[in-house]
Amino acid sequence: MEAIHQAILDEAPGEELGRVPLPATMRAAVVRKSEVDLFDGVASQDKDPRRSLHVDEVPIPPLGPNEVLIAPMASALNYNTVWTSIFEPLPTFGFLERMGRTGELGARHDLDHHIVGSDAAGVVVRTGPGVTRWRPGDRVTVHCNYVDLEGPEGHEDSMLDPGQKIWGFETNFGSLADLSMVKANQLMPMPTHLSWEEAASLGLVMATSYRMLVGENAARMKQGDVVLVWGATGGIGGFATQFVLNGGGVPVCVVSSPEKAALLRSIGVEHVIDRKAEGYRFTAGDGSPDYGEMRRFGARIRELVGRDPDIVFEHPGRTTFGASVFVCKRGGTVVTCASTTGYLHEYDNRYLWMHLKRILGSHFANYHEAWLANDLVDRGMIHPILSKTYPLERAAEGAYEMHHNLHAGKIGILVGAPEEGLGVRDADKRARHAERIAAYRTLEA
């Protein structure tokens, strides 16, 4: 691996990189099948990814048709790595076992360890049979829609394919490893003005936000739409805020500290609600919905922008969903994914059906949506929201911070890159956007 990483850092020609021998084993951040009972009887908030997410030496991924072996120079954490590492809502080895039953290629994924990670920026080192677009030496970012498209259902929208999976969560051989196996249709050109860790922080949450707000398959935001964004400095909320601003919408951003509010104002957000400072709690002491609090929250939104939200960008789930339905305007849309505070949502259906509101479920993005979002970054219209990085050996610390909401933006993981700041090719373009690229660093702990 040292020779491969050095060739990449030296920007060796692709032919030369393709001749560097592959190692038999590599470093990888994994959960172990033998530990799925590790947290039995432990409350969810007390499950510690630092106990279950290990950096082990494991065999390199085998390569099949239409697949590519990449060397991730950097990766980034998503909440699915937290779920995997605390074995909730169920151990991900069930996903790998189901893949194993699909045939010889699927059986490669059914191992006693699960290599996690669903974001990467790196370099192609090998291509399998049938790959024609990509070659060794290509610098790429990776989106996490893992799909074969053998059936007809997904050919209009690949997210509807019955075999669609999230790479590094529902598949093995994810990005927190020296070598990772992806499908050729997961690759996109790396933006030329970003470092490895900045480019790695884009894929999952950015494309998810794009589909929810901008693409043809979910809320389809228009110019002038008021969009309520929960967790507006987190990974998915941070990109949502940018898409609203970039698309002519009016974001109303909910955050949890004055520092996060200040960051949003520095990038052009006018309307920010600090939920902790203003004391919003939408559930009463007995667990019932607190409609008085929801009315107070709705009044605060109207005080800021003079109207109810056209769209509510909903991803916390259980703790906010009832309020999201309540404050959304008559005829408006609640678009939802993730549910990081819980999957079981409670809301008053009268406020949905009598006011003709819609709830739209949205899950990641298809290749075209991910490609268009990535292109906006390369054109300098959307920017990374990276707040800090860890080396691969400390990935579990980052997962712990994410589990306890001790972070903002994205947490990057250096894999092949020995330090931050490497990989930039277009210094002039970077200089034009340097302030926005660095914005989230103000929140680095």
Protein backbone atom coordinates (compact mmCIF):
# COMPACT_ATOMS: atom_id res chain seq x y z
CA MET A 1 0.00 0.00 0.00
CA GLU A 2 2.86 2.37 0.68
CA ALA A 3 3.96 2.11 -2.95
CA ILE A 4 0.41 2.71 -4.21
CA HIS A 5 -0.07 5.74 -1.97
CA GLN A 6 3.30 7.18 -2.96
CA ALA A 7 2.52 6.76 -6.67
CA ILE A 8 -0.75 8.63 -6.14
CA LEU A 9 0.92 11.42 -4.18
CA ASP A 10 3.58 11.68 -6.92
CA GLU A 11 0.78 11.82 -9.53
CA ALA A 12 2.32 8.93 -11.41
CA PRO A 13 0.76 8.14 -14.82
CA GLY A 14 -2.12 5.71 -14.76
CA GLU A 15 -0.14 3.04 -16.60
CA GLU A 16 2.54 3.16 -13.92
CA LEU A 17 -0.01 3.04 -11.09
CA GLY A 18 -1.68 0.07 -12.75
CA ARG A 19 1.60 -1.85 -12.64
CA VAL A 20 2.18 -1.40 -8.91
CA PRO A 21 1.46 -4.80 -7.32
CA LEU A 22 -1.58 -5.02 -5.07
CA PRO A 23 -1.04 -6.12 -1.49
CA ALA A 24 -2.73 -9.20 -0.09
CA THR A 25 -4.12 -7.33 2.93
CA MET A 26 -4.91 -3.76 3.94
CA ARG A 27 -6.07 -1.58 6.82
CA ALA A 28 -9.82 -1.18 7.18
CA ALA A 29 -12.30 0.14 9.73
CA VAL A 30 -14.62 -2.77 10.47
CA VAL A 31 -17.25 -4.10 12.78
CA ARG A 32 -16.93 -7.78 13.67
CA LYS A 33 -19.66 -10.36 13.38
CA SER A 34 -18.51 -11.92 16.63
CA GLU A 35 -19.43 -8.71 18.49
CA VAL A 36 -23.03 -8.14 17.39
CA ASP A 37 -24.19 -8.81 20.97
CA LEU A 38 -21.68 -6.37 22.45
CA PHE A 39 -24.30 -3.82 23.47
CA ASP A 40 -27.12 -6.10 24.55
CA GLY A 41 -29.08 -4.41 27.34
CA VAL A 42 -27.34 -1.05 26.80
CA ALA A 43 -29.44 2.04 26.08
CA SER A 44 -28.94 3.40 22.58
CA GLN A 45 -27.35 6.65 23.72
CA ASP A 46 -24.82 4.70 25.82
CA LYS A 47 -23.61 2.44 23.00
CA ASP A 48 -20.06 3.52 22.20
CA PRO A 49 -18.70 3.14 18.65
CA ARG A 50 -15.19 3.32 20.10
CA ARG A 51 -15.74 -0.19 21.48
CA SER A 52 -17.05 -1.76 18.27
CA LEU A 53 -15.39 0.01 15.32
CA HIS A 54 -11.92 -1.44 14.86
CA VAL A 55 -9.07 -0.86 12.41
CA ASP A 56 -8.02 -4.38 11.38
CA GLU A 57 -5.76 -5.90 8.74
CA VAL A 58 -8.08 -7.68 6.29
CA PRO A 59 -7.90 -9.15 2.77
CA ILE A 60 -8.28 -6.70 -0.12
CA PRO A 61 -11.62 -6.72 -1.98
CA PRO A 62 -11.99 -9.11 -4.93
CA LEU A 63 -12.84 -7.44 -8.23
CA GLY A 64 -15.67 -8.51 -10.54
CA PRO A 65 -17.34 -7.33 -13.76
CA ASN A 66 -18.20 -3.62 -14.02
CA GLU A 67 -16.39 -2.98 -10.77
CA VAL A 68 -13.47 -0.74 -9.89
CA LEU A 69 -10.87 -0.93 -7.16
CA ILE A 70 -10.06 2.51 -5.76
CA ALA A 71 -7.54 3.72 -3.22
CA PRO A 72 -9.50 6.15 -1.03
CA MET A 73 -7.22 9.01 -0.09
CA ALA A 74 -9.92 10.26 2.25
CA SER A 75 -13.38 9.31 3.41
CA ALA A 76 -16.03 10.89 5.63
CA LEU A 77 -18.44 9.73 8.28
CA ASN A 78 -22.20 9.45 7.92
CA TYR A 79 -24.82 8.43 10.42
CA ASN A 80 -25.09 5.02 8.78
CA THR A 81 -21.62 4.24 10.18
CA VAL A 82 -22.94 5.10 13.63
CA TRP A 83 -25.89 2.75 13.12
CA THR A 84 -23.57 0.01 11.90
CA SER A 85 -21.18 0.43 14.82
CA ILE A 86 -23.91 0.28 17.47
CA PHE A 87 -25.75 -2.53 15.64
CA GLU A 88 -28.98 -0.56 15.30
CA PRO A 89 -31.71 -0.87 14.25
CA LEU A 90 -30.24 -4.30 13.48
CA PRO A 91 -26.76 -5.66 12.74
CA THR A 92 -25.73 -4.96 9.15
CA PHE A 93 -24.43 -8.51 8.79
CA GLY A 94 -28.02 -9.40 7.88
CA PHE A 95 -27.62 -7.27 4.74
CA LEU A 96 -24.37 -9.04 3.88
CA GLU A 97 -25.89 -12.47 4.44
CA ARG A 98 -28.74 -11.65 2.06
CA MET A 99 -26.21 -10.54 -0.54
CA GLY A 100 -24.40 -13.82 -0.03
CA ARG A 101 -27.51 -15.75 -1.04
CA THR A 102 -27.79 -13.93 -4.40
CA GLY A 103 -24.93 -15.78 -6.05
CA GLU A 104 -21.18 -15.97 -6.46
CA LEU A 105 -20.59 -12.22 -6.70
CA GLY A 106 -22.84 -11.46 -3.76
CA ALA A 107 -21.15 -14.12 -1.66
CA ARG A 108 -17.95 -12.03 -1.62
CA HIS A 109 -19.68 -9.58 0.73
CA ASP A 110 -20.77 -12.15 3.33
CA LEU A 111 -17.74 -12.06 5.64
CA ASP A 112 -17.07 -12.12 9.36
CA HIS A 113 -16.20 -8.42 9.18
CA HIS A 114 -17.97 -5.45 7.60
CA ILE A 115 -15.81 -2.70 6.07
CA VAL A 116 -17.83 0.48 6.53
CA GLY A 117 -17.87 3.91 4.92
CA SER A 118 -20.09 5.47 2.24
CA ASP A 119 -18.06 8.49 1.07
CA ALA A 120 -14.69 8.63 -0.66
CA ALA A 121 -12.31 10.63 -2.79
CA GLY A 122 -9.48 8.66 -4.28
CA VAL A 123 -7.84 7.18 -7.33
CA VAL A 124 -8.74 4.25 -9.53
CA VAL A 125 -6.10 1.51 -9.28
CA ARG A 126 -7.77 -1.40 -11.11
CA THR A 127 -10.83 -1.92 -13.31
CA GLY A 128 -12.82 -5.10 -13.85
CA PRO A 129 -14.18 -6.57 -17.09
CA GLY A 130 -16.66 -4.31 -18.86
CA VAL A 131 -15.42 -1.00 -17.42
CA THR A 132 -14.68 1.42 -20.26
CA ARG A 133 -15.14 4.95 -18.87
CA TRP A 134 -12.62 4.81 -16.01
CA ARG A 135 -8.92 3.91 -15.94
CA PRO A 136 -6.14 3.59 -13.36
CA GLY A 137 -5.00 7.03 -12.29
CA ASP A 138 -8.43 8.71 -12.59
CA ARG A 139 -9.18 10.93 -9.59
CA VAL A 140 -12.73 10.33 -8.45
CA THR A 141 -15.35 10.93 -5.84
CA VAL A 142 -17.84 8.18 -5.07
CA HIS A 143 -21.59 8.25 -4.53
CA CYS A 144 -23.12 5.43 -2.52
CA ASN A 145 -25.98 4.20 -4.74
CA TYR A 146 -25.03 0.55 -5.31
CA VAL A 147 -27.31 -0.92 -7.95
CA ASP A 148 -27.13 -3.47 -10.80
CA LEU A 149 -30.31 -2.39 -12.65
CA GLU A 150 -31.05 -5.95 -13.80
CA GLY A 151 -34.80 -5.44 -13.35
CA PRO A 152 -37.03 -2.91 -15.16
CA GLU A 153 -38.19 -1.03 -12.04
CA GLY A 154 -35.12 1.14 -11.61
CA HIS A 155 -34.50 2.27 -15.15
CA GLU A 156 -36.57 5.42 -14.76
CA ASP A 157 -35.11 6.11 -11.32
CA SER A 158 -32.45 3.72 -10.01
CA MET A 159 -33.48 4.39 -6.41
CA LEU A 160 -36.65 2.39 -7.16
CA ASP A 161 -34.68 -0.71 -8.18
CA PRO A 162 -35.56 -3.60 -5.82
CA GLY A 163 -31.86 -4.45 -5.51
CA GLN A 164 -30.72 -0.92 -4.69
CA LYS A 165 -28.35 -0.71 -1.70
CA ILE A 166 -26.20 1.84 0.09
CA TRP A 167 -22.52 1.06 -0.42
CA GLY A 168 -20.55 0.56 2.79
CA PHE A 169 -23.75 0.13 4.81
CA GLU A 170 -25.80 -2.52 3.02
CA THR A 171 -22.72 -3.80 1.17
CA ASN A 172 -19.21 -4.68 2.24
CA PHE A 173 -15.93 -3.12 1.05
CA GLY A 174 -16.77 0.47 1.99
CA SER A 175 -14.53 3.52 1.95
CA LEU A 176 -12.81 3.38 5.35
CA ALA A 177 -10.06 1.19 3.94
CA ASP A 178 -6.83 1.38 1.96
CA LEU A 179 -8.63 -0.20 -1.00
CA SER A 180 -12.34 -0.21 -1.72
CA MET A 181 -14.49 -1.93 -4.29
CA VAL A 182 -17.20 0.08 -6.05
CA LYS A 183 -19.30 -0.22 -9.17
CA ALA A 184 -18.18 1.83 -12.16
CA ASN A 185 -21.51 3.68 -12.08
CA GLN A 186 -20.68 5.08 -8.63
CA LEU A 187 -17.78 7.18 -9.84
CA MET A 188 -17.70 10.92 -10.55
CA PRO A 189 -14.82 13.29 -11.39
CA MET A 190 -13.19 14.81 -8.35
CA PRO A 191 -13.65 18.62 -8.20
CA THR A 192 -10.31 20.09 -9.17
CA HIS A 193 -10.06 22.80 -6.50
CA LEU A 194 -10.65 20.62 -3.44
CA SER A 195 -8.38 18.60 -1.21
CA TRP A 196 -8.90 14.88 -0.78
CA GLU A 197 -10.75 15.25 2.51
CA GLU A 198 -12.95 18.08 1.22
CA ALA A 199 -13.95 16.12 -1.88
CA ALA A 200 -14.61 13.01 0.24
CA SER A 201 -17.10 14.90 2.40
CA LEU A 202 -19.54 15.54 -0.45
CA GLY A 203 -21.19 12.38 -1.71
CA LEU A 204 -23.87 10.93 0.53
CA VAL A 205 -25.41 13.91 2.26
CA MET A 206 -25.01 16.34 -0.63
CA ALA A 207 -26.73 14.09 -3.16
CA THR A 208 -29.43 13.24 -0.61
CA SER A 209 -30.13 16.94 -0.08
CA TYR A 210 -30.10 17.58 -3.83
CA ARG A 211 -32.74 14.93 -4.49
CA MET A 212 -34.92 16.10 -1.60
CA LEU A 213 -34.99 19.74 -2.70
CA VAL A 214 -33.73 20.24 -6.26
CA GLY A 215 -34.27 17.10 -8.33
CA GLU A 216 -37.44 15.98 -10.03
CA ASN A 217 -38.24 13.21 -7.55
CA ALA A 218 -39.11 14.96 -4.27
CA ALA A 219 -40.02 18.50 -3.11
CA ARG A 220 -38.92 20.33 -6.30
CA MET A 221 -38.17 23.66 -4.63
CA LYS A 222 -39.04 26.81 -6.58
CA GLN A 223 -37.56 30.28 -6.42
CA GLY A 224 -39.02 32.13 -3.45
CA ASP A 225 -40.04 28.99 -1.52
CA VAL A 226 -39.62 29.28 2.23
CA VAL A 227 -37.79 26.14 3.40
CA LEU A 228 -37.51 25.19 7.06
CA VAL A 229 -34.21 23.32 7.52
CA TRP A 230 -33.69 21.35 10.72
CA GLY A 231 -30.10 20.81 11.85
CA ALA A 232 -28.94 23.37 9.32
CA THR A 233 -25.22 23.09 10.08
CA GLY A 234 -25.12 19.30 10.14
CA GLY A 235 -24.10 17.21 7.16
CA ILE A 236 -27.39 16.90 5.34
CA GLY A 237 -28.80 20.19 6.66
CA GLY A 238 -25.66 22.11 5.73
CA PHE A 239 -25.97 21.12 2.09
CA ALA A 240 -29.73 21.70 2.14
CA THR A 241 -29.14 25.26 3.30
CA GLN A 242 -26.74 25.85 0.40
CA PHE A 243 -29.15 24.40 -2.16
CA VAL A 244 -31.95 26.65 -0.87
CA LEU A 245 -29.74 29.73 -1.10
CA ASN A 246 -28.33 28.74 -4.48
CA GLY A 247 -31.79 27.99 -5.90
CA GLY A 248 -33.46 31.24 -4.91
CA GLY A 249 -35.30 29.90 -1.89
CA VAL A 250 -35.56 31.43 1.57
CA PRO A 251 -34.05 29.19 4.25
CA VAL A 252 -35.26 29.30 7.83
CA CYS A 253 -32.52 27.42 9.63
CA VAL A 254 -32.78 25.66 12.98
CA VAL A 255 -29.55 25.19 14.95
CA SER A 256 -28.46 24.51 18.52
CA SER A 257 -25.85 27.16 19.37
CA PRO A 258 -24.91 30.80 18.78
CA GLU A 259 -21.74 29.66 16.99
CA LYS A 260 -23.74 27.66 14.47
CA ALA A 261 -26.13 30.57 13.99
CA ALA A 262 -23.18 32.89 13.33
CA LEU A 263 -21.76 30.50 10.75
CA LEU A 264 -25.03 30.46 8.83
CA ARG A 265 -25.28 34.23 8.84
CA SER A 266 -21.71 34.42 7.51
CA ILE A 267 -22.75 32.46 4.39
CA GLY A 268 -25.84 34.58 3.72
CA VAL A 269 -28.65 33.05 5.80
CA GLU A 270 -30.90 35.77 7.23
CA HIS A 271 -33.35 33.72 9.29
CA VAL A 272 -31.98 31.48 12.04
CA ILE A 273 -33.68 29.92 15.06
CA ASP A 274 -31.48 28.74 17.95
CA ARG A 275 -33.74 26.00 19.31
CA LYS A 276 -31.80 25.65 22.56
CA ALA A 277 -31.69 29.36 23.30
CA GLU A 278 -35.41 29.67 22.57
CA GLY A 279 -36.23 26.51 24.50
CA TYR A 280 -38.39 24.59 22.04
CA ARG A 281 -39.59 21.15 23.18
CA PHE A 282 -42.46 19.67 21.23
CA THR A 283 -43.32 16.90 23.65
CA ALA A 284 -44.88 17.42 27.08
CA GLY A 285 -43.62 15.71 30.21
CA ASP A 286 -46.07 12.85 29.81
CA GLY A 287 -44.89 12.20 26.25
CA SER A 288 -47.90 13.78 24.55
CA PRO A 289 -47.50 16.39 21.77
CA ASP A 290 -47.20 19.95 23.03
CA TYR A 291 -49.27 21.96 20.55
CA GLY A 292 -48.63 25.16 22.43
CA GLU A 293 -44.94 24.81 21.68
CA MET A 294 -45.68 24.01 18.06
CA ARG A 295 -47.82 27.13 17.77
CA ARG A 296 -45.04 29.18 19.37
CA PHE A 297 -42.56 27.73 16.88
CA GLY A 298 -44.87 28.44 13.93
CA ALA A 299 -45.38 32.01 15.13
CA ARG A 300 -41.60 32.45 15.33
CA ILE A 301 -41.22 31.34 11.70
CA ARG A 302 -43.95 33.76 10.60
CA GLU A 303 -42.26 36.51 12.61
CA LEU A 304 -39.08 35.93 10.64
CA VAL A 305 -40.41 35.49 7.09
CA GLY A 306 -44.10 36.48 7.25
CA ARG A 307 -45.49 33.10 6.18
CA ASP A 308 -45.48 29.37 6.90
CA PRO A 309 -42.86 27.16 5.23
CA ASP A 310 -43.62 25.90 1.74
CA ILE A 311 -41.25 22.99 2.38
CA VAL A 312 -39.97 21.44 5.59
CA PHE A 313 -36.62 19.67 5.18
CA GLU A 314 -37.08 16.94 7.77
CA HIS A 315 -34.38 14.52 8.88
CA PRO A 316 -34.20 14.41 12.73
CA GLY A 317 -37.37 12.32 12.80
CA ARG A 318 -39.07 11.46 16.06
CA THR A 319 -38.27 14.63 18.02
CA THR A 320 -39.32 17.08 15.29
CA PHE A 321 -41.70 15.35 12.90
CA GLY A 322 -44.96 16.35 14.60
CA ALA A 323 -43.85 19.99 14.60
CA SER A 324 -42.79 19.74 10.96
CA VAL A 325 -46.26 18.62 9.88
CA PHE A 326 -47.89 21.24 12.12
CA VAL A 327 -45.94 24.30 10.88
CA CYS A 328 -45.84 23.40 7.19
CA LYS A 329 -48.12 25.66 5.15
CA ARG A 330 -51.51 24.61 3.81
CA GLY A 331 -50.75 22.61 0.67
CA GLY A 332 -47.05 22.44 1.56
CA THR A 333 -44.61 19.56 1.63
CA VAL A 334 -42.68 17.78 4.36
CA VAL A 335 -39.81 15.91 2.70
CA THR A 336 -38.19 13.38 4.98
CA CYS A 337 -35.24 11.02 5.27
CA ALA A 338 -32.86 9.61 7.90
CA SER A 339 -34.80 9.93 11.20
CA THR A 340 -31.62 10.13 13.25
CA THR A 341 -33.52 10.67 16.54
CA GLY A 342 -35.91 7.77 15.94
CA TYR A 343 -37.96 6.12 13.22
CA LEU A 344 -41.37 6.05 14.92
CA HIS A 345 -42.98 9.40 14.21
CA GLU A 346 -46.13 10.81 15.76
CA TYR A 347 -48.13 13.61 14.20
CA ASP A 348 -51.71 14.82 14.19
CA ASN A 349 -53.20 13.72 10.87
CA ARG A 350 -55.86 16.45 10.99
CA TYR A 351 -53.17 19.01 10.19
CA LEU A 352 -52.10 16.90 7.23
CA TRP A 353 -55.33 15.88 5.55
CA MET A 354 -57.47 18.92 6.34
CA HIS A 355 -54.75 21.30 5.20
CA LEU A 356 -53.84 19.23 2.12
CA LYS A 357 -50.19 18.84 3.09
CA ARG A 358 -47.92 16.14 1.69
CA ILE A 359 -45.28 13.92 3.27
CA LEU A 360 -42.64 12.72 0.81
CA GLY A 361 -40.12 10.04 1.62
CA SER A 362 -36.74 10.43 -0.05
CA HIS A 363 -33.71 8.15 -0.02
CA PHE A 364 -30.24 9.09 -1.26
CA ALA A 365 -30.15 9.90 -5.03
CA ASN A 366 -29.77 8.31 -8.42
CA TYR A 367 -26.54 8.57 -10.44
CA HIS A 368 -27.75 11.54 -12.49
CA GLU A 369 -28.78 13.52 -9.40
CA ALA A 370 -25.47 12.75 -7.68
CA TRP A 371 -23.53 13.73 -10.82
CA LEU A 372 -25.37 17.07 -11.15
CA ALA A 373 -24.78 17.89 -7.48
CA ASN A 374 -21.08 17.04 -7.84
CA ASP A 375 -20.89 19.28 -10.91
CA LEU A 376 -22.27 22.23 -8.93
CA VAL A 377 -19.34 21.81 -6.54
CA ASP A 378 -16.83 21.71 -9.39
CA ARG A 379 -18.37 24.94 -10.73
CA GLY A 380 -17.95 26.65 -7.35
CA MET A 381 -21.69 27.00 -6.66
CA ILE A 382 -21.88 24.56 -3.72
CA HIS A 383 -19.09 24.12 -1.20
CA PRO A 384 -17.86 21.46 1.23
CA ILE A 385 -18.98 21.64 4.84
CA LEU A 386 -16.02 19.84 6.39
CA SER A 387 -15.41 20.85 9.99
CA LYS A 388 -12.64 18.49 11.11
CA THR A 389 -10.71 15.37 10.17
CA TYR A 390 -9.31 12.29 11.88
CA PRO A 391 -6.85 9.68 10.63
CA LEU A 392 -8.29 6.25 9.86
CA GLU A 393 -7.03 4.88 13.17
CA ARG A 394 -9.27 7.34 15.01
CA ALA A 395 -12.41 6.92 12.90
CA ALA A 396 -14.28 5.50 15.90
CA GLU A 397 -13.77 8.77 17.79
CA GLY A 398 -15.49 10.62 14.97
CA ALA A 399 -18.36 8.11 15.01
CA TYR A 400 -18.72 8.70 18.76
CA GLU A 401 -18.93 12.46 18.22
CA MET A 402 -21.55 11.99 15.52
CA HIS A 403 -23.59 9.64 17.75
CA HIS A 404 -23.72 12.32 20.44
CA ASN A 405 -24.17 15.29 18.07
CA LEU A 406 -20.87 16.82 19.16
CA HIS A 407 -19.97 17.84 15.62
CA ALA A 408 -21.07 20.18 12.86
CA GLY A 409 -20.92 19.68 9.13
CA LYS A 410 -18.91 16.66 8.04
CA ILE A 411 -16.16 14.75 9.80
CA GLY A 412 -13.48 13.69 7.34
CA ILE A 413 -11.23 10.64 7.64
CA LEU A 414 -7.74 10.61 6.15
CA VAL A 415 -7.04 7.19 4.64
CA GLY A 416 -4.27 7.28 2.03
CA ALA A 417 -3.54 10.99 2.42
CA PRO A 418 -0.83 11.50 5.07
CA GLU A 419 -2.07 14.99 5.97
CA GLU A 420 -4.77 17.51 5.18
CA GLY A 421 -4.67 19.92 2.24
CA LEU A 422 -3.33 17.56 -0.42
CA GLY A 423 -4.89 16.81 -3.80
CA VAL A 424 -5.72 20.34 -5.02
CA ARG A 425 -5.07 20.79 -8.76
CA ASP A 426 -6.67 24.16 -9.55
CA ALA A 427 -5.23 26.63 -7.05
CA ASP A 428 -6.69 29.67 -8.80
CA LYS A 429 -10.24 28.33 -8.60
CA ARG A 430 -9.69 27.39 -4.99
CA ALA A 431 -8.53 30.90 -4.16
CA ARG A 432 -11.79 32.32 -5.53
CA HIS A 433 -13.81 30.18 -3.11
CA ALA A 434 -11.39 29.82 -0.21
CA GLU A 435 -13.54 31.65 2.33
CA ARG A 436 -16.60 29.47 1.71
CA ILE A 437 -14.55 26.27 1.61
CA ALA A 438 -13.11 27.08 5.03
CA ALA A 439 -16.35 28.32 6.59
CA TYR A 440 -17.13 25.22 8.64
CA ARG A 441 -13.64 25.11 10.10
CA THR A 442 -14.76 27.87 12.46
CA LEU A 443 -16.75 25.16 14.27
CA GLU A 444 -13.86 22.70 14.60
CA ALA A 445 -13.57 21.51 18.17
